[in-house]
Amino acid sequence: MKSVLKILKEQFQFFYLVRRLSIYELRSLTSGNYLGAAWEIINPAIQILIYWFVFGFGIRQREAIDGIPYFQWMFAGILVWFFINQSVMKASKSIYSKIRMLSKMSFPMSVIPNYVIFSQFYPHLLLLGLGMILLQFMGFPISIYYLQLPLYIAAVLVFIFSLSLITSTLTTIARDVQMLLQSVMRMLLYLSPILWPPTLLPESWQIWVKLNPFYYIIEGYRYSLLGQGWYFIENPLYTLYFIAVMGLTLLIGSYLHVKFRSQFIDFL
């Protein structure tokens, strides 16, 4: 618990630096492209169209899911997946790839994965805003259920940061972890109910799908954007499960990070 308090204190104390470095990181990633930050929208748009064509037309043949057209259902869930995938992958390699910054600037190592996550958060907010506008013209106007969306946004930020403390520590110690994580995230895209509904599975198998904490966030986004209800209230036990997993991940991640960060330079 002492490690958790130490990590959280560092984030609050250096949050101004997190914002500055995240903006710098985002600009550096897009500065060499003619279209610049537009690629943060173009790439997801291309992938969404491909998934819609393959799963919507090819596999499901445009069948609705719980009365919701497939495109809108898939679109509302996959918006947050782009943020999850990019943040997890980039934050996991952030410490060993950017640790040399510490020789030029003085700040705790725990700030590094956090500002990398925030550099992906800004494009997510832009994509989310455009998605909201698009859904207005597709039969899903803004509803009172949008009020719960900040809860899931905060949840995904905290969970990804907690997870990044684990993955960035392990990846710095052993680079193979990055390759393993890349395979796992690619697998989760197809195993998580992002492109298909869990009702396709036998009822006894559906509980295993819900063990994935990302599923909670994805469904929370869907309920908010499609106006389906108050997800965290209608699923109280699942909400408590997610909070427990997030807390445990933060506890483990903080402990590992604080324990090994003095040795990170030895692994470079």
C-alpha atoms as a PDB file:
ATOM      1  CA  MET A   1       0.000   0.000   0.000  1.00  0.00           C
ATOM      2  CA  LYS A   2       2.939   2.302   0.676  1.00  0.00           C
ATOM      3  CA  SER A   3       4.063   1.837  -2.949  1.00  0.00           C
ATOM      4  CA  VAL A   4       0.587   2.777  -4.234  1.00  0.00           C
ATOM      5  CA  LEU A   5       0.543   5.995  -2.217  1.00  0.00           C
ATOM      6  CA  LYS A   6       4.039   6.831  -3.436  1.00  0.00           C
ATOM      7  CA  ILE A   7       3.091   6.316  -7.087  1.00  0.00           C
ATOM      8  CA  LEU A   8      -0.156   8.295  -6.777  1.00  0.00           C
ATOM      9  CA  LYS A   9       1.636  11.147  -5.034  1.00  0.00           C
ATOM     10  CA  GLU A  10       4.146  11.310  -7.890  1.00  0.00           C
ATOM     11  CA  GLN A  11       1.361  11.508 -10.469  1.00  0.00           C
ATOM     12  CA  PHE A  12      -0.390  14.380  -8.702  1.00  0.00           C
ATOM     13  CA  GLN A  13       2.851  16.212  -7.984  1.00  0.00           C
ATOM     14  CA  PHE A  14       4.099  16.021 -11.578  1.00  0.00           C
ATOM     15  CA  PHE A  15       0.782  16.147 -13.417  1.00  0.00           C
ATOM     16  CA  TYR A  16       1.735  19.452 -15.051  1.00  0.00           C
ATOM     17  CA  LEU A  17       4.741  17.650 -16.537  1.00  0.00           C
ATOM     18  CA  VAL A  18       2.567  14.750 -17.697  1.00  0.00           C
ATOM     19  CA  ARG A  19       0.429  17.190 -19.710  1.00  0.00           C
ATOM     20  CA  ARG A  20       3.428  18.965 -21.251  1.00  0.00           C
ATOM     21  CA  LEU A  21       5.275  15.784 -22.170  1.00  0.00           C
ATOM     22  CA  SER A  22       2.146  14.096 -23.530  1.00  0.00           C
ATOM     23  CA  ILE A  23       1.518  16.999 -25.912  1.00  0.00           C
ATOM     24  CA  TYR A  24       5.161  16.942 -26.978  1.00  0.00           C
ATOM     25  CA  GLU A  25       4.963  13.173 -27.521  1.00  0.00           C
ATOM     26  CA  LEU A  26       1.850  13.513 -29.665  1.00  0.00           C
ATOM     27  CA  ARG A  27       3.427  16.236 -31.797  1.00  0.00           C
ATOM     28  CA  SER A  28       6.619  14.252 -32.275  1.00  0.00           C
ATOM     29  CA  LEU A  29       4.640  11.221 -33.461  1.00  0.00           C
ATOM     30  CA  THR A  30       2.775  13.186 -36.129  1.00  0.00           C
ATOM     31  CA  SER A  31       5.322  15.832 -37.131  1.00  0.00           C
ATOM     32  CA  GLY A  32       6.852  13.779 -39.962  1.00  0.00           C
ATOM     33  CA  ASN A  33       3.517  13.125 -41.725  1.00  0.00           C
ATOM     34  CA  TYR A  34       1.948  15.395 -44.328  1.00  0.00           C
ATOM     35  CA  LEU A  35      -1.495  14.817 -42.834  1.00  0.00           C
ATOM     36  CA  GLY A  36      -0.156  15.097 -39.286  1.00  0.00           C
ATOM     37  CA  ALA A  37      -2.649  14.278 -36.538  1.00  0.00           C
ATOM     38  CA  ALA A  38      -5.305  13.424 -39.134  1.00  0.00           C
ATOM     39  CA  TRP A  39      -3.863   9.907 -39.227  1.00  0.00           C
ATOM     40  CA  GLU A  40      -5.162   9.437 -35.663  1.00  0.00           C
ATOM     41  CA  ILE A  41      -8.626   9.513 -37.253  1.00  0.00           C
ATOM     42  CA  ILE A  42      -7.888   8.000 -40.668  1.00  0.00           C
ATOM     43  CA  ASN A  43      -6.317   4.782 -39.355  1.00  0.00           C
ATOM     44  CA  PRO A  44      -9.197   3.898 -36.985  1.00  0.00           C
ATOM     45  CA  ALA A  45     -11.731   4.806 -39.686  1.00  0.00           C
ATOM     46  CA  ILE A  46     -10.117   2.378 -42.145  1.00  0.00           C
ATOM     47  CA  GLN A  47     -10.024  -0.415 -39.555  1.00  0.00           C
ATOM     48  CA  ILE A  48     -13.659   0.177 -38.561  1.00  0.00           C
ATOM     49  CA  LEU A  49     -14.779  -0.108 -42.185  1.00  0.00           C
ATOM     50  CA  ILE A  50     -12.801  -3.331 -42.638  1.00  0.00           C
ATOM     51  CA  TYR A  51     -14.232  -4.910 -39.471  1.00  0.00           C
ATOM     52  CA  TRP A  52     -17.736  -3.791 -40.440  1.00  0.00           C
ATOM     53  CA  PHE A  53     -17.382  -5.328 -43.906  1.00  0.00           C
ATOM     54  CA  VAL A  54     -15.901  -8.640 -42.681  1.00  0.00           C
ATOM     55  CA  PHE A  55     -18.029  -9.160 -39.559  1.00  0.00           C
ATOM     56  CA  GLY A  56     -21.116  -7.137 -40.471  1.00  0.00           C
ATOM     57  CA  PHE A  57     -21.594  -8.184 -44.080  1.00  0.00           C
ATOM     58  CA  GLY A  58     -19.529 -11.366 -44.339  1.00  0.00           C
ATOM     59  CA  ILE A  59     -20.113 -13.231 -41.080  1.00  0.00           C
ATOM     60  CA  ARG A  60     -23.259 -11.753 -39.533  1.00  0.00           C
ATOM     61  CA  GLN A  61     -24.878 -10.665 -42.822  1.00  0.00           C
ATOM     62  CA  ARG A  62     -26.044  -7.374 -41.280  1.00  0.00           C
ATOM     63  CA  GLU A  63     -27.968  -9.038 -38.438  1.00  0.00           C
ATOM     64  CA  ALA A  64     -28.907  -6.674 -35.602  1.00  0.00           C
ATOM     65  CA  ILE A  65     -27.685  -7.296 -32.048  1.00  0.00           C
ATOM     66  CA  ASP A  66     -30.362  -6.793 -29.361  1.00  0.00           C
ATOM     67  CA  GLY A  67     -32.261  -4.616 -31.824  1.00  0.00           C
ATOM     68  CA  ILE A  68     -29.199  -2.431 -32.557  1.00  0.00           C
ATOM     69  CA  PRO A  69     -27.782  -2.381 -36.109  1.00  0.00           C
ATOM     70  CA  TYR A  70     -24.421  -4.140 -36.223  1.00  0.00           C
ATOM     71  CA  PHE A  71     -22.374  -1.125 -37.339  1.00  0.00           C
ATOM     72  CA  GLN A  72     -23.588   1.105 -34.502  1.00  0.00           C
ATOM     73  CA  TRP A  73     -23.129  -1.707 -31.975  1.00  0.00           C
ATOM     74  CA  MET A  74     -19.593  -2.472 -33.126  1.00  0.00           C
ATOM     75  CA  PHE A  75     -18.692   1.203 -33.558  1.00  0.00           C
ATOM     76  CA  ALA A  76     -19.685   2.169 -29.986  1.00  0.00           C
ATOM     77  CA  GLY A  77     -17.490  -0.561 -28.526  1.00  0.00           C
ATOM     78  CA  ILE A  78     -14.447  -0.354 -30.745  1.00  0.00           C
ATOM     79  CA  LEU A  79     -13.960   3.390 -30.149  1.00  0.00           C
ATOM     80  CA  VAL A  80     -12.376   2.710 -26.778  1.00  0.00           C
ATOM     81  CA  TRP A  81     -10.466  -0.362 -27.996  1.00  0.00           C
ATOM     82  CA  PHE A  82      -8.224   1.751 -30.228  1.00  0.00           C
ATOM     83  CA  PHE A  83      -7.226   3.764 -27.168  1.00  0.00           C
ATOM     84  CA  ILE A  84      -6.731   0.646 -25.028  1.00  0.00           C
ATOM     85  CA  ASN A  85      -4.602  -1.150 -27.593  1.00  0.00           C
ATOM     86  CA  GLN A  86      -2.325   1.781 -28.467  1.00  0.00           C
ATOM     87  CA  SER A  87      -1.906   2.873 -24.849  1.00  0.00           C
ATOM     88  CA  VAL A  88      -1.096  -0.596 -23.509  1.00  0.00           C
ATOM     89  CA  MET A  89       1.444  -1.293 -26.251  1.00  0.00           C
ATOM     90  CA  LYS A  90       3.228   2.062 -26.152  1.00  0.00           C
ATOM     91  CA  ALA A  91       3.209   2.394 -22.357  1.00  0.00           C
ATOM     92  CA  SER A  92       4.670  -1.096 -21.962  1.00  0.00           C
ATOM     93  CA  LYS A  93       7.876  -0.084 -23.775  1.00  0.00           C
ATOM     94  CA  SER A  94       7.926   3.500 -22.546  1.00  0.00           C
ATOM     95  CA  ILE A  95      10.460   3.184 -19.716  1.00  0.00           C
ATOM     96  CA  TYR A  96      13.260   1.390 -21.536  1.00  0.00           C
ATOM     97  CA  SER A  97      12.803   3.524 -24.661  1.00  0.00           C
ATOM     98  CA  LYS A  98      12.590   6.900 -22.886  1.00  0.00           C
ATOM     99  CA  ILE A  99      14.561   6.455 -19.684  1.00  0.00           C
ATOM    100  CA  ARG A 100      17.411   8.569 -21.058  1.00  0.00           C
ATOM    101  CA  MET A 101      15.118  11.579 -20.724  1.00  0.00           C
ATOM    102  CA  LEU A 102      15.812  11.429 -16.999  1.00  0.00           C
ATOM    103  CA  SER A 103      19.365  12.585 -17.610  1.00  0.00           C
ATOM    104  CA  LYS A 104      17.969  15.834 -19.070  1.00  0.00           C
ATOM    105  CA  MET A 105      14.923  16.286 -16.834  1.00  0.00           C
ATOM    106  CA  SER A 106      14.351  15.377 -13.210  1.00  0.00           C
ATOM    107  CA  PHE A 107      11.078  13.513 -12.574  1.00  0.00           C
ATOM    108  CA  PRO A 108      10.022  10.063 -11.246  1.00  0.00           C
ATOM    109  CA  MET A 109      10.100   7.122 -13.636  1.00  0.00           C
ATOM    110  CA  SER A 110       6.422   6.421 -12.959  1.00  0.00           C
ATOM    111  CA  VAL A 111       5.581   9.577 -14.910  1.00  0.00           C
ATOM    112  CA  ILE A 112       6.904   8.071 -18.148  1.00  0.00           C
ATOM    113  CA  PRO A 113       4.138   5.492 -18.851  1.00  0.00           C
ATOM    114  CA  ASN A 114       1.538   8.002 -17.659  1.00  0.00           C
ATOM    115  CA  TYR A 115       2.440  10.727 -20.130  1.00  0.00           C
ATOM    116  CA  VAL A 116       2.663   8.166 -22.951  1.00  0.00           C
ATOM    117  CA  ILE A 117      -0.892   7.059 -22.097  1.00  0.00           C
ATOM    118  CA  PHE A 118      -2.082  10.666 -22.097  1.00  0.00           C
ATOM    119  CA  SER A 119      -0.504  11.235 -25.516  1.00  0.00           C
ATOM    120  CA  GLN A 120      -2.959   8.606 -26.800  1.00  0.00           C
ATOM    121  CA  PHE A 121      -5.820   9.988 -24.733  1.00  0.00           C
ATOM    122  CA  TYR A 122      -6.142  13.230 -26.714  1.00  0.00           C
ATOM    123  CA  PRO A 123      -6.758  11.458 -30.052  1.00  0.00           C
ATOM    124  CA  HIS A 124      -9.222   9.208 -28.225  1.00  0.00           C
ATOM    125  CA  LEU A 125     -11.227  12.211 -27.053  1.00  0.00           C
ATOM    126  CA  LEU A 126     -11.261  13.575 -30.609  1.00  0.00           C
ATOM    127  CA  LEU A 127     -12.357  10.220 -32.036  1.00  0.00           C
ATOM    128  CA  LEU A 128     -14.982   9.879 -29.301  1.00  0.00           C
ATOM    129  CA  GLY A 129     -16.374  13.344 -30.059  1.00  0.00           C
ATOM    130  CA  LEU A 130     -16.611  12.558 -33.775  1.00  0.00           C
ATOM    131  CA  GLY A 131     -18.221   9.217 -32.912  1.00  0.00           C
ATOM    132  CA  MET A 132     -20.878  10.970 -30.829  1.00  0.00           C
ATOM    133  CA  ILE A 133     -21.686  13.293 -33.720  1.00  0.00           C
ATOM    134  CA  LEU A 134     -21.873  10.388 -36.155  1.00  0.00           C
ATOM    135  CA  LEU A 135     -24.203   8.422 -33.889  1.00  0.00           C
ATOM    136  CA  GLN A 136     -26.610  11.392 -33.783  1.00  0.00           C
ATOM    137  CA  PHE A 137     -27.239  10.900 -37.509  1.00  0.00           C
ATOM    138  CA  MET A 138     -27.587   7.139 -37.134  1.00  0.00           C
ATOM    139  CA  GLY A 139     -30.550   7.064 -34.760  1.00  0.00           C
ATOM    140  CA  PHE A 140     -28.767   7.294 -31.397  1.00  0.00           C
ATOM    141  CA  PRO A 141     -29.047  10.869 -30.100  1.00  0.00           C
ATOM    142  CA  ILE A 142     -27.413  12.186 -26.931  1.00  0.00           C
ATOM    143  CA  SER A 143     -29.205  10.829 -23.866  1.00  0.00           C
ATOM    144  CA  ILE A 144     -29.001  11.102 -20.110  1.00  0.00           C
ATOM    145  CA  TYR A 145     -26.860   7.952 -20.115  1.00  0.00           C
ATOM    146  CA  TYR A 146     -23.956  10.036 -21.446  1.00  0.00           C
ATOM    147  CA  LEU A 147     -23.541  11.195 -17.828  1.00  0.00           C
ATOM    148  CA  GLN A 148     -21.955   7.842 -16.932  1.00  0.00           C
ATOM    149  CA  LEU A 149     -19.373   8.047 -19.712  1.00  0.00           C
ATOM    150  CA  PRO A 150     -16.805  10.003 -17.607  1.00  0.00           C
ATOM    151  CA  LEU A 151     -16.831   7.097 -15.132  1.00  0.00           C
ATOM    152  CA  TYR A 152     -15.677   4.653 -17.814  1.00  0.00           C
ATOM    153  CA  ILE A 153     -13.166   7.138 -19.196  1.00  0.00           C
ATOM    154  CA  ALA A 154     -11.654   7.526 -15.723  1.00  0.00           C
ATOM    155  CA  ALA A 155     -11.779   3.745 -15.225  1.00  0.00           C
ATOM    156  CA  VAL A 156      -9.907   2.991 -18.443  1.00  0.00           C
ATOM    157  CA  LEU A 157      -7.232   5.606 -17.661  1.00  0.00           C
ATOM    158  CA  VAL A 158      -6.602   4.250 -14.166  1.00  0.00           C
ATOM    159  CA  PHE A 159      -6.664   0.614 -15.274  1.00  0.00           C
ATOM    160  CA  ILE A 160      -4.299   1.132 -18.217  1.00  0.00           C
ATOM    161  CA  PHE A 161      -1.889   3.096 -16.024  1.00  0.00           C
ATOM    162  CA  SER A 162      -2.005   0.358 -13.367  1.00  0.00           C
ATOM    163  CA  LEU A 163      -1.394  -2.295 -16.020  1.00  0.00           C
ATOM    164  CA  SER A 164       1.430  -0.252 -17.579  1.00  0.00           C
ATOM    165  CA  LEU A 165       3.306  -0.222 -14.257  1.00  0.00           C
ATOM    166  CA  ILE A 166       3.449  -4.017 -14.519  1.00  0.00           C
ATOM    167  CA  THR A 167       4.132  -4.350 -18.239  1.00  0.00           C
ATOM    168  CA  SER A 168       6.692  -1.514 -18.448  1.00  0.00           C
ATOM    169  CA  THR A 169       8.630  -2.994 -15.526  1.00  0.00           C
ATOM    170  CA  LEU A 170       8.632  -6.515 -16.960  1.00  0.00           C
ATOM    171  CA  THR A 171       9.419  -5.274 -20.472  1.00  0.00           C
ATOM    172  CA  THR A 172      12.427  -3.320 -19.204  1.00  0.00           C
ATOM    173  CA  ILE A 173      13.728  -6.462 -17.511  1.00  0.00           C
ATOM    174  CA  ALA A 174      12.959  -8.779 -20.462  1.00  0.00           C
ATOM    175  CA  ARG A 175      12.171  -7.437 -23.950  1.00  0.00           C
ATOM    176  CA  ASP A 176      10.346 -10.668 -24.822  1.00  0.00           C
ATOM    177  CA  VAL A 177       7.441  -9.467 -22.705  1.00  0.00           C
ATOM    178  CA  GLN A 178       6.723  -6.796 -25.322  1.00  0.00           C
ATOM    179  CA  MET A 179       6.381  -9.412 -28.056  1.00  0.00           C
ATOM    180  CA  LEU A 180       4.171 -11.568 -25.849  1.00  0.00           C
ATOM    181  CA  LEU A 181       1.987  -8.584 -24.983  1.00  0.00           C
ATOM    182  CA  GLN A 182       1.607  -7.708 -28.655  1.00  0.00           C
ATOM    183  CA  SER A 183       0.284 -11.206 -29.368  1.00  0.00           C
ATOM    184  CA  VAL A 184      -2.053 -11.105 -26.363  1.00  0.00           C
ATOM    185  CA  MET A 185      -3.557  -7.739 -27.370  1.00  0.00           C
ATOM    186  CA  ARG A 186      -4.087  -8.932 -30.934  1.00  0.00           C
ATOM    187  CA  MET A 187      -5.780 -12.035 -29.572  1.00  0.00           C
ATOM    188  CA  LEU A 188      -7.982 -10.037 -27.180  1.00  0.00           C
ATOM    189  CA  LEU A 189      -9.438  -8.042 -30.067  1.00  0.00           C
ATOM    190  CA  TYR A 190     -11.036 -11.195 -31.442  1.00  0.00           C
ATOM    191  CA  LEU A 191     -11.703 -12.980 -28.151  1.00  0.00           C
ATOM    192  CA  SER A 192     -13.341  -9.975 -26.494  1.00  0.00           C
ATOM    193  CA  PRO A 193     -16.952  -9.211 -27.516  1.00  0.00           C
ATOM    194  CA  ILE A 194     -15.965  -6.185 -29.568  1.00  0.00           C
ATOM    195  CA  LEU A 195     -16.749  -7.555 -33.003  1.00  0.00           C
ATOM    196  CA  TRP A 196     -19.269 -10.204 -31.911  1.00  0.00           C
ATOM    197  CA  PRO A 197     -21.827 -10.507 -29.064  1.00  0.00           C
ATOM    198  CA  PRO A 198     -21.151 -12.879 -26.138  1.00  0.00           C
ATOM    199  CA  THR A 199     -24.639 -14.370 -26.624  1.00  0.00           C
ATOM    200  CA  LEU A 200     -23.150 -16.452 -29.449  1.00  0.00           C
ATOM    201  CA  LEU A 201     -21.409 -18.506 -26.758  1.00  0.00           C
ATOM    202  CA  PRO A 202     -23.124 -21.055 -24.490  1.00  0.00           C
ATOM    203  CA  GLU A 203     -24.390 -19.396 -21.314  1.00  0.00           C
ATOM    204  CA  SER A 204     -21.866 -21.297 -19.183  1.00  0.00           C
ATOM    205  CA  TRP A 205     -19.010 -19.814 -21.262  1.00  0.00           C
ATOM    206  CA  GLN A 206     -20.164 -16.215 -21.115  1.00  0.00           C
ATOM    207  CA  ILE A 207     -18.855 -15.763 -17.566  1.00  0.00           C
ATOM    208  CA  TRP A 208     -15.317 -16.400 -18.829  1.00  0.00           C
ATOM    209  CA  VAL A 209     -15.660 -13.557 -21.295  1.00  0.00           C
ATOM    210  CA  LYS A 210     -16.611 -11.202 -18.484  1.00  0.00           C
ATOM    211  CA  LEU A 211     -13.410 -12.020 -16.601  1.00  0.00           C
ATOM    212  CA  ASN A 212     -11.690  -9.733 -19.078  1.00  0.00           C
ATOM    213  CA  PRO A 213     -11.782  -6.290 -17.362  1.00  0.00           C
ATOM    214  CA  PHE A 214     -11.648  -4.557 -20.754  1.00  0.00           C
ATOM    215  CA  TYR A 215     -15.056  -6.046 -21.509  1.00  0.00           C
ATOM    216  CA  TYR A 216     -16.535  -4.039 -18.625  1.00  0.00           C
ATOM    217  CA  ILE A 217     -15.206  -0.798 -20.098  1.00  0.00           C
ATOM    218  CA  ILE A 218     -16.310  -1.665 -23.633  1.00  0.00           C
ATOM    219  CA  GLU A 219     -19.847  -2.462 -22.485  1.00  0.00           C
ATOM    220  CA  GLY A 220     -19.896   0.705 -20.393  1.00  0.00           C
ATOM    221  CA  TYR A 221     -19.082   2.742 -23.488  1.00  0.00           C
ATOM    222  CA  ARG A 222     -21.804   0.945 -25.450  1.00  0.00           C
ATOM    223  CA  TYR A 223     -24.452   1.520 -22.813  1.00  0.00           C
ATOM    224  CA  SER A 224     -23.511   5.200 -22.653  1.00  0.00           C
ATOM    225  CA  LEU A 225     -23.270   5.973 -26.373  1.00  0.00           C
ATOM    226  CA  LEU A 226     -26.269   3.861 -27.422  1.00  0.00           C
ATOM    227  CA  GLY A 227     -28.476   4.885 -24.505  1.00  0.00           C
ATOM    228  CA  GLN A 228     -29.033   1.331 -23.253  1.00  0.00           C
ATOM    229  CA  GLY A 229     -29.080   2.043 -19.523  1.00  0.00           C
ATOM    230  CA  TRP A 230     -26.920   2.573 -16.441  1.00  0.00           C
ATOM    231  CA  TYR A 231     -24.423  -0.244 -16.872  1.00  0.00           C
ATOM    232  CA  PHE A 232     -22.616   0.112 -13.548  1.00  0.00           C
ATOM    233  CA  ILE A 233     -25.930   0.100 -11.646  1.00  0.00           C
ATOM    234  CA  GLU A 234     -27.523  -2.743 -13.590  1.00  0.00           C
ATOM    235  CA  ASN A 235     -24.410  -4.900 -13.084  1.00  0.00           C
ATOM    236  CA  PRO A 236     -23.334  -4.167  -9.483  1.00  0.00           C
ATOM    237  CA  LEU A 237     -21.391  -7.406  -8.924  1.00  0.00           C
ATOM    238  CA  TYR A 238     -19.491  -6.971 -12.188  1.00  0.00           C
ATOM    239  CA  THR A 239     -18.722  -3.371 -11.216  1.00  0.00           C
ATOM    240  CA  LEU A 240     -17.296  -4.534  -7.884  1.00  0.00           C
ATOM    241  CA  TYR A 241     -15.280  -7.209  -9.712  1.00  0.00           C
ATOM    242  CA  PHE A 242     -13.780  -4.603 -12.048  1.00  0.00           C
ATOM    243  CA  ILE A 243     -12.901  -2.283  -9.151  1.00  0.00           C
ATOM    244  CA  ALA A 244     -11.245  -5.190  -7.327  1.00  0.00           C
ATOM    245  CA  VAL A 245      -9.211  -6.177 -10.397  1.00  0.00           C
ATOM    246  CA  MET A 246      -8.192  -2.558 -11.005  1.00  0.00           C
ATOM    247  CA  GLY A 247      -7.160  -2.125  -7.366  1.00  0.00           C
ATOM    248  CA  LEU A 248      -5.164  -5.362  -7.365  1.00  0.00           C
ATOM    249  CA  THR A 249      -3.450  -4.395 -10.631  1.00  0.00           C
ATOM    250  CA  LEU A 250      -2.496  -0.997  -9.185  1.00  0.00           C
ATOM    251  CA  LEU A 251      -1.185  -2.657  -6.025  1.00  0.00           C
ATOM    252  CA  ILE A 252       0.967  -5.167  -7.921  1.00  0.00           C
ATOM    253  CA  GLY A 253       2.118  -2.622 -10.505  1.00  0.00           C
ATOM    254  CA  SER A 254       3.127  -0.058  -7.884  1.00  0.00           C
ATOM    255  CA  TYR A 255       5.045  -2.658  -5.888  1.00  0.00           C
ATOM    256  CA  LEU A 256       6.965  -3.956  -8.913  1.00  0.00           C
ATOM    257  CA  HIS A 257       7.746  -0.493 -10.227  1.00  0.00           C
ATOM    258  CA  VAL A 258       9.047   0.855  -6.911  1.00  0.00           C
ATOM    259  CA  LYS A 259      11.017  -2.345  -6.240  1.00  0.00           C
ATOM    260  CA  PHE A 260      12.832  -2.483  -9.585  1.00  0.00           C
ATOM    261  CA  ARG A 261      13.070   1.107 -10.831  1.00  0.00           C
ATOM    262  CA  SER A 262      16.423   1.700  -9.173  1.00  0.00           C
ATOM    263  CA  GLN A 263      17.761  -1.197 -11.281  1.00  0.00           C
ATOM    264  CA  PHE A 264      16.181  -0.213 -14.626  1.00  0.00           C
ATOM    265  CA  ILE A 265      19.345   1.394 -15.906  1.00  0.00           C
ATOM    266  CA  ASP A 266      21.190  -1.932 -15.438  1.00  0.00           C
ATOM    267  CA  PHE A 267      18.854  -3.625 -17.938  1.00  0.00           C
ATOM    268  CA  LEU A 268      19.470  -1.150 -20.776  1.00  0.00           C
END
